[in-house]
Amino acid sequence: MSPDPSFNSPFSQAGQAFLSALLKGVHGTDGSGTAAWSSVSDVAVRLSRLQAETAQRHSTLWRAMLESSKEPVASPERGDRRFSSESWKSSPYFDYLRQSYLINAKYLVDAVEVLELEPLQKERLRFATRQLVDAMSPANFAATNPDALKLALESRGETITRGILNLVEDVGKGRISTTDESSFEVGRNVAVSPGQVVFENDLIQLIQYAPASDKVRARPLVIVPPCINKFYILDLAPENSFVRFAVERGNTVFMVSWRNVTEADASQTWDDYLEHGVIAALSTAKEISGSDRVNALGFCVGGTLLGSALAVLAARGEEIAESVTFLASMLDFKDTGEIGMFVDEASVAARESAIGGGGLMQGRELGFVFSALRANDLVWSYVVNNYLKGRRPEAFDLLFWNADSTNLPGPMYCWYLRNMYLHNRLRDPGALTMLGVPVDLGRIAIPAYVLATREDHIVPWQTAYRTMGLISGERRFVLGASGHIAGIVNPASKNKRNFWVAPAVGTAIADSDAWLAAAEERPGSWWSDWDAWLARFAGESVAPRQTMGNRKHRPIEPAPGRYVKQRVA
């Protein structure tokens, strides 16, 4: 299902924002030219100064080229790998092309900062400008990419032929290939932790993993992954599997596997995801394990669902969870980063009109939005590799997972969009009613481990930190390195990256910046820190059960189950 015309894609919205914001930035807040002349004049002066500086840089670059100077006038930002090849520097022509592009790109980016706009409008214009700047890179075109030209000459045009074939294949898929998908198969070399599906309904399968230690902790761990992706981000290849780590540490792990809904059954609501998804999983795991309570973990929107479910259970007076872990999750949606900048009343109303009463939010469309946030890494680098150079992308389990998208039912998605992203009601006690009861996150009074990642572009870490002020009870906040996925999938065995913890455990420091100032940096993965924390709430060590499930919930099929293998057409 393509987006309805009334709900524009990020790129089309970006284009509109770019044009309208330029007009508003120069002529006033409403584009009518009625703003104070002093303000307009000030913007014009700063733009004129910026243009003069840019012209001077171009003049300096031209002289440098004529004089064969090796000193660069413009250099890529740190981490920008588009021009890392020596071919861009060894040829005066391509060196000039590269540097002139960087000068022009900087001018456009700086021009946005000069304009006087409302904060949301400026954010939209920044996004639009970045999309434009990234798309127009000379590295993205065959005629201006020295590496692509060299490969074409050396192969006598074979790379061009292969590139066209790759393009035709991707057009058939409806997306850009980012990994060698033939190298992976769910249940063969990803999602291979042994276990059994012990419960299923129309929305979820619940997997119980086989024990991998002589003793297990009495209280099980129930994991609620994001429903906008497949669960096996937490069970990739064995060396990268969070599930395997948790099982080897003595936990009896249960995993929610969300069904990939189709048009035929796309009527589920947010309440359905709570009752028949999260709460059903928690209750079933508790029943199977015979434990007094369970430990619960939610990742991304799985954490939002888990927090909502725990608030419902608290309102009902039901005590199921002994502790909760939130991984890169939002309960307060005040600052949602770039994802939220195009969520407004008009766009949400358009979605509700199209699919709010039934229908699908296509996983492919969601994937496109996420890729657009990091277009150089997740779009243009593969355009260059696949089509200009005629290569196949390398095998990478994480990117295979990233391409394995999932659909969401329209009613559930629209409710989530309006009440979380648009109105941010979950944080306010009693503002939302779920499953017939008003919810209050403050009634979640169990120990909580709240993890964020410092470079997360989907859940800004400062936003994840706000969870500390919404729930009660003992709280521990940990900040991991890297981004939304790489910061989570950081195996303890590899001892890579680092994380930050505050010396005090208990209540929250009010301000995230104050927390970071007081925090200490530790090397390695946060996984081990989390495991030590969880052990305090996991109960005594007991002998593992030799069978999975129980009399009521008998094994249905081996892990990873059918639901996770359902792919978007």
Protein backbone atom coordinates (compact mmCIF):
# COMPACT_ATOMS: atom_id res chain seq x y z
CA MET A 1 0.00 0.00 0.00
CA SER A 2 1.55 3.26 -1.09
CA PRO A 3 1.14 6.33 1.11
CA ASP A 4 -2.12 8.15 0.56
CA PRO A 5 -1.71 11.52 -1.19
CA SER A 6 -2.75 13.45 1.90
CA PHE A 7 0.08 11.94 3.94
CA ASN A 8 3.32 12.97 2.33
CA SER A 9 6.52 10.97 2.52
CA PRO A 10 9.46 12.43 4.45
CA PHE A 11 11.12 13.42 1.18
CA SER A 12 8.09 15.22 -0.26
CA GLN A 13 7.41 16.90 3.08
CA ALA A 14 11.05 17.84 3.23
CA GLY A 15 10.81 19.49 -0.18
CA GLN A 16 7.76 21.48 0.86
CA ALA A 17 9.43 22.46 4.10
CA PHE A 18 12.55 23.55 2.24
CA LEU A 19 10.67 25.93 -0.06
CA SER A 20 8.21 27.32 2.48
CA ALA A 21 10.87 27.75 5.16
CA LEU A 22 13.12 29.70 2.84
CA LEU A 23 10.25 32.08 2.16
CA LYS A 24 9.33 32.39 5.82
CA GLY A 25 12.91 32.75 6.93
CA VAL A 26 13.52 35.75 4.70
CA HIS A 27 10.11 37.43 4.71
CA GLY A 28 8.76 36.73 8.16
CA THR A 29 6.97 34.08 10.16
CA ASP A 30 3.92 33.89 7.86
CA GLY A 31 5.60 34.45 4.50
CA SER A 32 3.69 37.70 3.99
CA GLY A 33 6.59 40.06 4.39
CA THR A 34 4.98 41.76 7.40
CA ALA A 35 7.73 40.97 9.90
CA ALA A 36 9.78 43.79 11.33
CA TRP A 37 12.08 45.21 8.67
CA SER A 38 14.98 45.20 11.10
CA SER A 39 14.71 41.42 11.43
CA VAL A 40 14.43 40.93 7.66
CA SER A 41 17.39 43.20 7.12
CA ASP A 42 19.48 41.33 9.66
CA VAL A 43 18.78 38.00 7.95
CA ALA A 44 19.62 39.52 4.56
CA VAL A 45 22.91 40.88 5.88
CA ARG A 46 23.90 37.52 7.33
CA LEU A 47 22.97 35.71 4.12
CA SER A 48 24.96 38.22 2.11
CA ARG A 49 27.96 37.72 4.37
CA LEU A 50 27.65 33.96 4.05
CA GLN A 51 27.48 34.21 0.27
CA ALA A 52 30.60 36.35 0.22
CA GLU A 53 32.47 33.87 2.41
CA THR A 54 31.40 31.01 0.15
CA ALA A 55 32.49 32.88 -2.97
CA GLN A 56 35.85 33.54 -1.32
CA ARG A 57 36.30 29.84 -0.56
CA HIS A 58 35.52 28.96 -4.18
CA SER A 59 38.06 31.51 -5.34
CA THR A 60 40.68 30.08 -3.00
CA LEU A 61 39.91 26.58 -4.26
CA TRP A 62 40.29 27.66 -7.89
CA ARG A 63 43.68 29.23 -7.19
CA ALA A 64 44.78 26.15 -5.29
CA MET A 65 43.91 23.96 -8.24
CA LEU A 66 45.79 26.20 -10.71
CA GLU A 67 48.82 26.20 -8.43
CA SER A 68 48.58 22.42 -7.82
CA SER A 69 48.38 23.02 -4.08
CA LYS A 70 48.00 19.93 -1.92
CA GLU A 71 46.51 21.88 0.98
CA PRO A 72 42.71 21.25 1.05
CA VAL A 73 40.32 24.16 1.17
CA ALA A 74 37.38 21.99 2.23
CA SER A 75 37.50 18.63 3.99
CA PRO A 76 34.76 16.07 4.76
CA GLU A 77 33.46 15.85 8.29
CA ARG A 78 34.81 13.15 10.54
CA GLY A 79 33.18 9.82 9.73
CA ASP A 80 32.21 10.84 6.17
CA ARG A 81 33.52 7.95 4.06
CA ARG A 82 32.16 9.04 0.68
CA PHE A 83 35.46 10.54 -0.44
CA SER A 84 37.89 8.27 1.39
CA SER A 85 39.27 6.73 -1.81
CA GLU A 86 42.63 8.08 -2.99
CA SER A 87 41.09 8.59 -6.46
CA TRP A 88 39.29 11.68 -5.18
CA LYS A 89 42.61 13.28 -4.19
CA SER A 90 45.02 12.08 -6.86
CA SER A 91 43.07 13.62 -9.75
CA PRO A 92 42.93 17.46 -9.79
CA TYR A 93 39.54 17.29 -11.52
CA PHE A 94 37.89 15.02 -8.98
CA ASP A 95 39.61 16.77 -6.10
CA TYR A 96 38.14 20.07 -7.29
CA LEU A 97 34.73 18.46 -7.77
CA ARG A 98 34.83 17.01 -4.26
CA GLN A 99 35.89 20.21 -2.54
CA SER A 100 33.50 22.46 -4.48
CA TYR A 101 30.65 20.16 -3.46
CA LEU A 102 31.71 20.36 0.19
CA ILE A 103 31.85 24.17 0.01
CA ASN A 104 28.37 24.35 -1.51
CA ALA A 105 27.01 21.83 0.99
CA LYS A 106 28.34 23.87 3.89
CA TYR A 107 26.76 27.00 2.43
CA LEU A 108 23.31 25.40 2.30
CA VAL A 109 23.61 23.98 5.82
CA ASP A 110 24.82 27.30 7.22
CA ALA A 111 22.11 29.23 5.36
CA VAL A 112 19.44 27.30 7.23
CA GLU A 113 20.92 28.43 10.55
CA VAL A 114 20.82 32.05 9.42
CA LEU A 115 17.08 32.01 8.75
CA GLU A 116 14.72 33.06 11.54
CA LEU A 117 12.17 30.26 11.87
CA GLU A 118 10.08 28.53 14.48
CA PRO A 119 11.97 25.60 16.04
CA LEU A 120 9.87 22.90 14.33
CA GLN A 121 10.09 24.63 10.97
CA LYS A 122 13.85 24.94 11.30
CA GLU A 123 14.17 21.24 12.17
CA ARG A 124 12.20 20.35 9.07
CA LEU A 125 14.33 22.60 6.93
CA ARG A 126 17.53 21.10 8.37
CA PHE A 127 16.22 17.64 7.44
CA ALA A 128 15.21 18.75 3.94
CA THR A 129 18.55 20.43 3.38
CA ARG A 130 20.47 17.37 4.51
CA GLN A 131 18.46 15.17 2.14
CA LEU A 132 19.20 17.53 -0.72
CA VAL A 133 22.88 17.85 0.12
CA ASP A 134 23.34 14.10 0.53
CA ALA A 135 21.50 13.30 -2.71
CA MET A 136 23.56 15.73 -4.79
CA SER A 137 26.95 14.35 -3.79
CA PRO A 138 29.17 13.71 -6.85
CA ALA A 139 29.86 10.27 -5.39
CA ASN A 140 26.26 9.30 -6.24
CA PHE A 141 26.62 9.70 -10.01
CA ALA A 142 28.49 7.44 -12.41
CA ALA A 143 29.99 10.29 -14.43
CA THR A 144 31.43 12.00 -11.34
CA ASN A 145 32.58 9.03 -9.26
CA PRO A 146 36.21 8.19 -10.11
CA ASP A 147 36.06 4.73 -8.54
CA ALA A 148 32.98 3.77 -10.54
CA LEU A 149 34.56 5.06 -13.76
CA LYS A 150 37.77 3.16 -13.09
CA LEU A 151 35.93 -0.10 -12.45
CA ALA A 152 33.87 0.37 -15.61
CA LEU A 153 37.01 0.84 -17.71
CA GLU A 154 38.87 -2.05 -16.13
CA SER A 155 35.92 -4.42 -16.57
CA ARG A 156 35.12 -3.16 -20.10
CA GLY A 157 31.66 -2.15 -19.01
CA GLU A 158 30.82 -5.29 -17.07
CA THR A 159 30.29 -3.37 -13.83
CA ILE A 160 27.75 -1.17 -15.61
CA THR A 161 25.85 -4.24 -16.76
CA ARG A 162 25.92 -5.77 -13.29
CA GLY A 163 24.81 -2.47 -11.79
CA ILE A 164 21.80 -2.29 -14.10
CA LEU A 165 20.88 -5.89 -13.23
CA ASN A 166 21.19 -5.06 -9.52
CA LEU A 167 18.94 -2.04 -10.03
CA VAL A 168 16.30 -4.07 -11.87
CA GLU A 169 16.35 -6.67 -9.09
CA ASP A 170 15.94 -4.03 -6.39
CA VAL A 171 13.10 -2.34 -8.28
CA GLY A 172 11.35 -5.70 -8.17
CA LYS A 173 11.90 -5.87 -4.41
CA GLY A 174 10.76 -2.31 -3.89
CA ARG A 175 13.84 -1.46 -1.82
CA ILE A 176 17.62 -1.12 -1.99
CA SER A 177 19.55 -4.26 -1.07
CA THR A 178 21.87 -3.59 1.86
CA THR A 179 23.17 -7.10 2.46
CA ASP A 180 23.51 -10.46 0.75
CA GLU A 181 20.13 -11.81 1.83
CA SER A 182 20.86 -15.26 0.37
CA SER A 183 23.49 -15.75 3.08
CA PHE A 184 20.92 -15.80 5.88
CA GLU A 185 17.85 -17.77 6.79
CA VAL A 186 15.76 -17.36 9.92
CA GLY A 187 16.17 -20.51 11.96
CA ARG A 188 19.31 -21.61 10.13
CA ASN A 189 22.00 -19.05 10.97
CA VAL A 190 20.00 -16.28 12.69
CA ALA A 191 17.37 -16.84 15.40
CA VAL A 192 18.93 -20.22 16.17
CA SER A 193 18.81 -20.32 19.97
CA PRO A 194 17.09 -23.66 20.76
CA GLY A 195 13.66 -23.56 22.31
CA GLN A 196 9.96 -24.19 21.79
CA VAL A 197 6.90 -22.11 21.03
CA VAL A 198 4.76 -22.74 24.11
CA PHE A 199 1.87 -20.35 23.48
CA GLU A 200 0.27 -18.58 20.54
CA ASN A 201 -2.75 -16.51 19.66
CA ASP A 202 -3.66 -14.31 16.69
CA LEU A 203 -1.09 -11.71 17.73
CA ILE A 204 1.94 -13.42 19.25
CA GLN A 205 3.86 -16.60 19.67
CA LEU A 206 5.72 -17.03 22.96
CA ILE A 207 9.05 -18.81 22.77
CA GLN A 208 10.64 -20.52 25.76
CA TYR A 209 14.37 -21.08 25.27
CA ALA A 210 16.15 -24.23 26.40
CA PRO A 211 18.42 -23.89 29.46
CA ALA A 212 22.17 -23.71 28.89
CA SER A 213 23.48 -23.90 32.45
CA ASP A 214 23.56 -26.40 35.32
CA LYS A 215 21.47 -24.08 37.48
CA VAL A 216 18.86 -21.52 36.48
CA ARG A 217 17.40 -18.51 38.23
CA ALA A 218 13.94 -19.16 39.64
CA ARG A 219 12.28 -16.09 38.12
CA PRO A 220 12.14 -16.11 34.32
CA LEU A 221 12.96 -13.24 32.00
CA VAL A 222 10.24 -12.18 29.54
CA ILE A 223 11.43 -10.10 26.57
CA VAL A 224 9.08 -7.78 24.65
CA PRO A 225 10.82 -6.77 21.41
CA PRO A 226 9.62 -3.97 19.12
CA CYS A 227 6.57 -4.90 17.05
CA ILE A 228 7.84 -2.82 14.13
CA ASN A 229 10.72 -5.28 13.65
CA LYS A 230 11.33 -9.00 14.07
CA PHE A 231 12.43 -10.21 17.51
CA TYR A 232 15.66 -11.78 16.31
CA ILE A 233 17.57 -8.52 16.54
CA LEU A 234 18.13 -9.94 20.03
CA ASP A 235 18.98 -13.39 18.67
CA LEU A 236 21.21 -12.84 15.65
CA ALA A 237 24.17 -15.10 14.91
CA PRO A 238 25.12 -16.93 18.15
CA GLU A 239 28.15 -14.73 18.85
CA ASN A 240 25.89 -11.63 18.70
CA SER A 241 22.84 -13.07 20.46
CA PHE A 242 21.53 -11.31 23.56
CA VAL A 243 19.19 -14.28 24.09
CA ARG A 244 22.09 -16.69 24.14
CA PHE A 245 23.95 -14.48 26.64
CA ALA A 246 20.92 -14.28 28.94
CA VAL A 247 20.31 -18.04 28.78
CA GLU A 248 23.96 -18.86 29.44
CA ARG A 249 23.83 -16.60 32.50
CA GLY A 250 21.17 -18.85 33.98
CA ASN A 251 17.96 -17.13 32.95
CA THR A 252 14.89 -18.97 31.71
CA VAL A 253 14.09 -16.69 28.79
CA PHE A 254 10.70 -16.20 27.15
CA MET A 255 10.50 -14.15 23.93
CA VAL A 256 7.47 -12.50 22.35
CA SER A 257 7.34 -13.05 18.59
CA TRP A 258 4.85 -10.61 17.04
CA ARG A 259 2.74 -11.77 14.13
CA ASN A 260 3.35 -9.99 10.82
CA VAL A 261 -0.23 -8.87 10.22
CA THR A 262 -1.90 -8.85 6.80
CA GLU A 263 -4.78 -6.88 5.32
CA ALA A 264 -7.13 -9.67 6.34
CA ASP A 265 -6.51 -9.22 10.07
CA ALA A 266 -5.32 -5.63 10.41
CA SER A 267 -7.94 -4.47 12.91
CA GLN A 268 -5.99 -4.91 16.15
CA THR A 269 -5.81 -1.97 18.52
CA TRP A 270 -3.27 -0.76 21.07
CA ASP A 271 -5.35 -2.45 23.76
CA ASP A 272 -5.12 -5.74 21.84
CA TYR A 273 -1.33 -5.46 21.79
CA LEU A 274 -1.37 -4.97 25.55
CA GLU A 275 -3.88 -7.66 26.55
CA HIS A 276 -3.19 -10.35 23.97
CA GLY A 277 0.47 -9.46 23.52
CA VAL A 278 2.40 -8.20 26.54
CA ILE A 279 0.09 -9.22 29.39
CA ALA A 280 -0.60 -12.62 27.86
CA ALA A 281 3.16 -13.23 27.58
CA LEU A 282 3.88 -12.15 31.16
CA SER A 283 1.05 -14.24 32.58
CA THR A 284 1.90 -17.33 30.54
CA ALA A 285 5.59 -17.20 31.46
CA LYS A 286 4.69 -16.83 35.14
CA GLU A 287 2.33 -19.79 34.93
CA ILE A 288 4.77 -22.05 33.09
CA SER A 289 7.70 -21.24 35.37
CA GLY A 290 5.67 -21.60 38.55
CA SER A 291 7.38 -18.49 39.86
CA ASP A 292 5.81 -15.83 42.03
CA ARG A 293 6.79 -13.12 39.54
CA VAL A 294 8.77 -12.58 36.35
CA ASN A 295 11.43 -10.11 35.26
CA ALA A 296 10.42 -8.14 32.18
CA LEU A 297 12.44 -6.42 29.45
CA GLY A 298 11.21 -4.17 26.65
CA PHE A 299 13.18 -2.80 23.70
CA CYS A 300 12.21 0.33 21.72
CA VAL A 301 8.42 0.41 21.18
CA GLY A 302 8.39 -2.92 23.02
CA GLY A 303 9.42 -0.89 26.04
CA THR A 304 6.56 1.55 25.48
CA LEU A 305 4.14 -1.38 25.28
CA LEU A 306 5.68 -2.97 28.37
CA GLY A 307 5.48 0.26 30.37
CA SER A 308 1.85 0.68 29.34
CA ALA A 309 1.03 -2.91 30.29
CA LEU A 310 2.70 -2.60 33.69
CA ALA A 311 0.73 0.59 34.35
CA VAL A 312 -2.49 -1.27 33.47
CA LEU A 313 -1.56 -4.16 35.78
CA ALA A 314 -0.77 -1.68 38.57
CA ALA A 315 -4.17 -0.09 38.13
CA ARG A 316 -5.76 -3.53 38.33
CA GLY A 317 -3.79 -4.36 41.44
CA GLU A 318 -2.01 -7.27 39.74
CA GLU A 319 1.63 -7.86 40.63
CA ILE A 320 3.36 -9.92 37.94
CA ALA A 321 6.76 -8.28 37.40
CA GLU A 322 9.58 -8.28 39.95
CA SER A 323 11.73 -5.88 37.88
CA VAL A 324 11.66 -4.15 34.52
CA THR A 325 14.34 -3.28 31.98
CA PHE A 326 13.77 -0.58 29.36
CA LEU A 327 16.21 -0.67 26.42
CA ALA A 328 16.23 2.45 24.21
CA SER A 329 12.55 3.05 24.98
CA MET A 330 10.36 6.14 25.23
CA LEU A 331 7.67 6.70 27.83
CA ASP A 332 7.91 10.48 27.54
CA PHE A 333 7.63 11.65 23.92
CA LYS A 334 8.49 15.31 24.44
CA ASP A 335 11.59 15.09 22.22
CA THR A 336 11.43 12.26 19.70
CA GLY A 337 14.28 13.44 17.50
CA GLU A 338 13.89 13.75 13.76
CA ILE A 339 11.20 11.08 13.54
CA GLY A 340 8.71 13.32 15.30
CA MET A 341 9.26 16.47 13.29
CA PHE A 342 6.79 15.49 10.57
CA VAL A 343 4.10 14.30 12.98
CA ASP A 344 1.43 16.98 13.15
CA GLU A 345 -2.34 17.09 13.32
CA ALA A 346 -2.77 17.06 9.55
CA SER A 347 -0.53 14.07 8.94
CA VAL A 348 -2.01 12.04 11.80
CA ALA A 349 -5.57 12.84 10.68
CA ALA A 350 -4.68 11.70 7.17
CA ARG A 351 -3.38 8.40 8.50
CA GLU A 352 -6.48 7.92 10.61
CA SER A 353 -8.69 8.56 7.61
CA ALA A 354 -6.76 6.04 5.50
CA ILE A 355 -6.09 3.16 7.91
CA GLY A 356 -7.39 4.16 11.34
CA GLY A 357 -10.49 1.99 10.99
CA GLY A 358 -8.63 -0.98 9.54
CA GLY A 359 -5.77 -1.54 7.14
CA LEU A 360 -2.01 -1.73 7.23
CA MET A 361 0.90 0.50 8.02
CA GLN A 362 3.38 -1.11 5.69
CA GLY A 363 6.67 -2.15 7.21
CA ARG A 364 8.44 -1.18 4.01
CA GLU A 365 7.25 2.39 4.42
CA LEU A 366 8.45 2.54 8.02
CA GLY A 367 11.80 1.14 6.93
CA PHE A 368 12.13 3.88 4.33
CA VAL A 369 11.55 6.56 6.95
CA PHE A 370 14.23 5.11 9.24
CA SER A 371 16.70 4.83 6.36
CA ALA A 372 16.08 8.46 5.39
CA LEU A 373 17.33 9.54 8.81
CA ARG A 374 20.77 8.20 7.87
CA ALA A 375 20.62 8.43 4.10
CA ASN A 376 24.37 8.44 3.46
CA ASP A 377 24.88 5.21 5.38
CA LEU A 378 21.66 3.36 4.57
CA VAL A 379 20.72 4.66 1.10
CA TRP A 380 23.41 6.35 -0.95
CA SER A 381 26.33 4.12 0.00
CA TYR A 382 24.38 1.17 -1.40
CA VAL A 383 23.33 3.09 -4.50
CA VAL A 384 27.04 3.59 -5.19
CA ASN A 385 28.05 0.04 -4.32
CA ASN A 386 25.19 -1.81 -6.02
CA TYR A 387 24.44 0.28 -9.10
CA LEU A 388 27.50 2.39 -9.90
CA LYS A 389 30.13 -0.21 -9.04
CA GLY A 390 28.05 -3.26 -9.91
CA ARG A 391 28.85 -5.06 -6.67
CA ARG A 392 26.74 -7.16 -4.36
CA PRO A 393 26.47 -5.98 -0.76
CA GLU A 394 28.35 -7.99 1.83
CA ALA A 395 26.65 -10.45 4.16
CA PHE A 396 25.73 -8.77 7.47
CA ASP A 397 23.20 -10.30 9.84
CA LEU A 398 22.12 -6.99 11.33
CA LEU A 399 21.26 -5.54 7.92
CA PHE A 400 19.48 -8.75 6.94
CA TRP A 401 17.27 -8.20 10.00
CA ASN A 402 16.84 -4.54 9.08
CA ALA A 403 15.43 -5.51 5.67
CA ASP A 404 13.02 -8.06 7.20
CA SER A 405 10.28 -5.54 7.88
CA THR A 406 6.93 -6.01 9.59
CA ASN A 407 3.48 -4.52 9.08
CA LEU A 408 1.41 -2.88 11.78
CA PRO A 409 -2.40 -2.78 12.01
CA GLY A 410 -3.71 0.68 11.19
CA PRO A 411 -5.87 1.19 14.31
CA MET A 412 -3.00 0.32 16.64
CA TYR A 413 -0.48 2.45 14.72
CA CYS A 414 -2.75 5.51 14.49
CA TRP A 415 -3.61 5.39 18.20
CA TYR A 416 0.08 5.16 19.04
CA LEU A 417 0.95 8.02 16.70
CA ARG A 418 -1.72 10.36 18.06
CA ASN A 419 -1.46 9.64 21.76
CA MET A 420 2.30 9.21 22.05
CA TYR A 421 4.07 11.19 19.31
CA LEU A 422 1.51 13.93 18.77
CA HIS A 423 0.04 14.57 22.24
CA ASN A 424 2.54 12.83 24.57
CA ARG A 425 -0.22 11.64 26.91
CA LEU A 426 1.41 8.55 28.40
CA ARG A 427 3.58 10.58 30.78
CA ASP A 428 0.60 12.39 32.35
CA PRO A 429 -1.16 10.40 35.12
CA GLY A 430 -4.71 9.48 34.13
CA ALA A 431 -4.50 11.12 30.69
CA LEU A 432 -4.88 7.79 28.89
CA THR A 433 -7.28 4.94 29.47
CA MET A 434 -6.04 1.52 28.39
CA LEU A 435 -8.04 -1.69 28.72
CA GLY A 436 -10.71 0.24 30.58
CA VAL A 437 -8.50 1.74 33.29
CA PRO A 438 -6.71 5.11 33.58
CA VAL A 439 -2.96 4.55 33.62
CA ASP A 440 -0.31 6.19 35.76
CA LEU A 441 3.34 5.29 35.13
CA GLY A 442 4.12 6.46 38.65
CA ARG A 443 2.43 3.33 39.96
CA ILE A 444 5.17 1.19 38.42
CA ALA A 445 7.03 0.81 41.71
CA ILE A 446 9.39 -2.05 40.88
CA PRO A 447 13.17 -1.86 40.34
CA ALA A 448 14.00 -0.58 36.86
CA TYR A 449 17.09 -0.72 34.66
CA VAL A 450 16.89 2.03 32.05
CA LEU A 451 19.39 1.88 29.20
CA ALA A 452 19.88 4.42 26.43
CA THR A 453 22.57 4.76 23.75
CA ARG A 454 24.45 7.97 23.26
CA GLU A 455 24.21 8.25 19.45
CA ASP A 456 20.64 6.98 19.13
CA HIS A 457 18.82 8.85 16.34
CA ILE A 458 15.49 7.10 16.99
CA VAL A 459 15.25 7.37 20.78
CA PRO A 460 17.43 10.31 21.92
CA TRP A 461 19.16 9.31 25.13
CA GLN A 462 17.96 12.40 26.97
CA THR A 463 14.39 11.36 26.13
CA ALA A 464 14.98 7.81 27.39
CA TYR A 465 16.39 9.35 30.59
CA ARG A 466 13.02 11.00 31.31
CA THR A 467 11.69 7.54 32.18
CA MET A 468 13.63 7.94 35.44
CA GLY A 469 11.24 10.68 36.55
CA LEU A 470 8.06 8.87 35.52
CA ILE A 471 8.31 5.58 37.41
CA SER A 472 8.90 4.99 41.10
CA GLY A 473 11.02 2.55 43.02
CA GLU A 474 14.71 1.82 42.62
CA ARG A 475 16.09 2.99 39.27
CA ARG A 476 19.41 2.53 37.53
CA PHE A 477 20.24 4.47 34.38
CA VAL A 478 23.02 3.31 32.07
CA LEU A 479 24.21 5.06 28.92
CA GLY A 480 25.78 2.88 26.25
CA ALA A 481 27.97 3.95 23.37
CA SER A 482 26.95 3.90 19.70
CA GLY A 483 23.43 3.99 18.25
CA HIS A 484 19.96 2.50 18.51
CA ILE A 485 20.93 -0.97 17.32
CA ALA A 486 24.72 -1.23 17.57
CA GLY A 487 24.56 0.11 21.10
CA ILE A 488 22.13 -2.62 22.12
CA VAL A 489 23.72 -5.51 20.21
CA ASN A 490 27.07 -5.21 21.95
CA PRO A 491 28.14 -8.70 23.06
CA ALA A 492 29.95 -8.91 26.38
CA SER A 493 32.33 -11.54 24.97
CA LYS A 494 33.77 -9.03 22.49
CA ASN A 495 34.33 -6.39 25.19
CA LYS A 496 33.86 -3.53 22.72
CA ARG A 497 32.83 0.07 23.22
CA ASN A 498 32.02 1.50 26.63
CA PHE A 499 29.17 2.70 28.83
CA TRP A 500 28.49 5.26 31.54
CA VAL A 501 26.97 4.75 34.98
CA ALA A 502 26.31 7.12 37.83
CA PRO A 503 27.84 6.26 41.22
CA ALA A 504 24.48 6.41 43.01
CA VAL A 505 21.69 3.85 42.57
CA GLY A 506 18.16 4.76 43.54
CA THR A 507 16.21 7.84 42.58
CA ALA A 508 16.78 9.86 39.45
CA ILE A 509 18.95 12.92 39.03
CA ALA A 510 16.51 15.47 37.63
CA ASP A 511 18.55 16.58 34.63
CA SER A 512 20.16 14.25 32.06
CA ASP A 513 23.15 16.56 31.60
CA ALA A 514 23.70 16.62 35.35
CA TRP A 515 23.55 12.83 35.36
CA LEU A 516 26.18 12.60 32.62
CA ALA A 517 28.43 15.06 34.44
CA ALA A 518 28.32 12.79 37.51
CA ALA A 519 28.64 9.53 35.60
CA GLU A 520 31.79 7.46 35.23
CA GLU A 521 32.86 5.78 32.02
CA ARG A 522 33.52 2.05 31.99
CA PRO A 523 35.01 -0.05 29.20
CA GLY A 524 33.21 -2.90 27.49
CA SER A 525 29.57 -3.89 27.11
CA TRP A 526 26.67 -2.94 29.35
CA TRP A 527 25.42 -6.55 29.12
CA SER A 528 27.51 -7.66 32.10
CA ASP A 529 26.41 -4.67 34.18
CA TRP A 530 22.78 -5.48 33.41
CA ASP A 531 23.26 -9.17 34.27
CA ALA A 532 24.73 -8.30 37.67
CA TRP A 533 21.78 -5.98 38.32
CA LEU A 534 19.20 -8.57 37.19
CA ALA A 535 20.69 -11.28 39.42
CA ARG A 536 19.42 -9.37 42.47
CA PHE A 537 15.81 -9.94 41.38
CA ALA A 538 16.04 -13.32 39.69
CA GLY A 539 15.48 -15.51 42.74
CA GLU A 540 17.41 -18.50 43.98
CA SER A 541 19.28 -20.93 41.75
CA VAL A 542 17.36 -24.11 40.98
CA ALA A 543 17.79 -27.12 38.73
CA PRO A 544 16.58 -26.46 35.18
CA ARG A 545 13.46 -28.19 33.96
CA GLN A 546 14.05 -30.93 31.42
CA THR A 547 10.92 -30.08 29.43
CA MET A 548 9.47 -26.78 28.25
CA GLY A 549 5.94 -25.55 28.67
CA ASN A 550 3.55 -27.32 31.02
CA ARG A 551 0.39 -29.38 30.84
CA LYS A 552 -1.71 -26.41 29.79
CA HIS A 553 0.86 -24.88 27.47
CA ARG A 554 2.48 -27.74 25.60
CA PRO A 555 5.20 -27.10 23.01
CA ILE A 556 3.66 -26.19 19.65
CA GLU A 557 6.71 -26.11 17.39
CA PRO A 558 10.47 -25.53 17.67
CA ALA A 559 11.86 -22.00 17.94
CA PRO A 560 11.91 -19.60 16.22
CA GLY A 561 8.35 -20.49 15.20
CA ARG A 562 6.19 -19.62 12.19
CA TYR A 563 5.33 -16.00 12.93
CA VAL A 564 8.88 -14.68 12.61
CA LYS A 565 9.26 -16.33 9.20
CA GLN A 566 6.33 -14.45 7.69
CA ARG A 567 7.84 -11.87 5.34
CA VAL A 568 6.39 -8.71 3.86
CA ALA A 569 5.60 -9.22 0.19
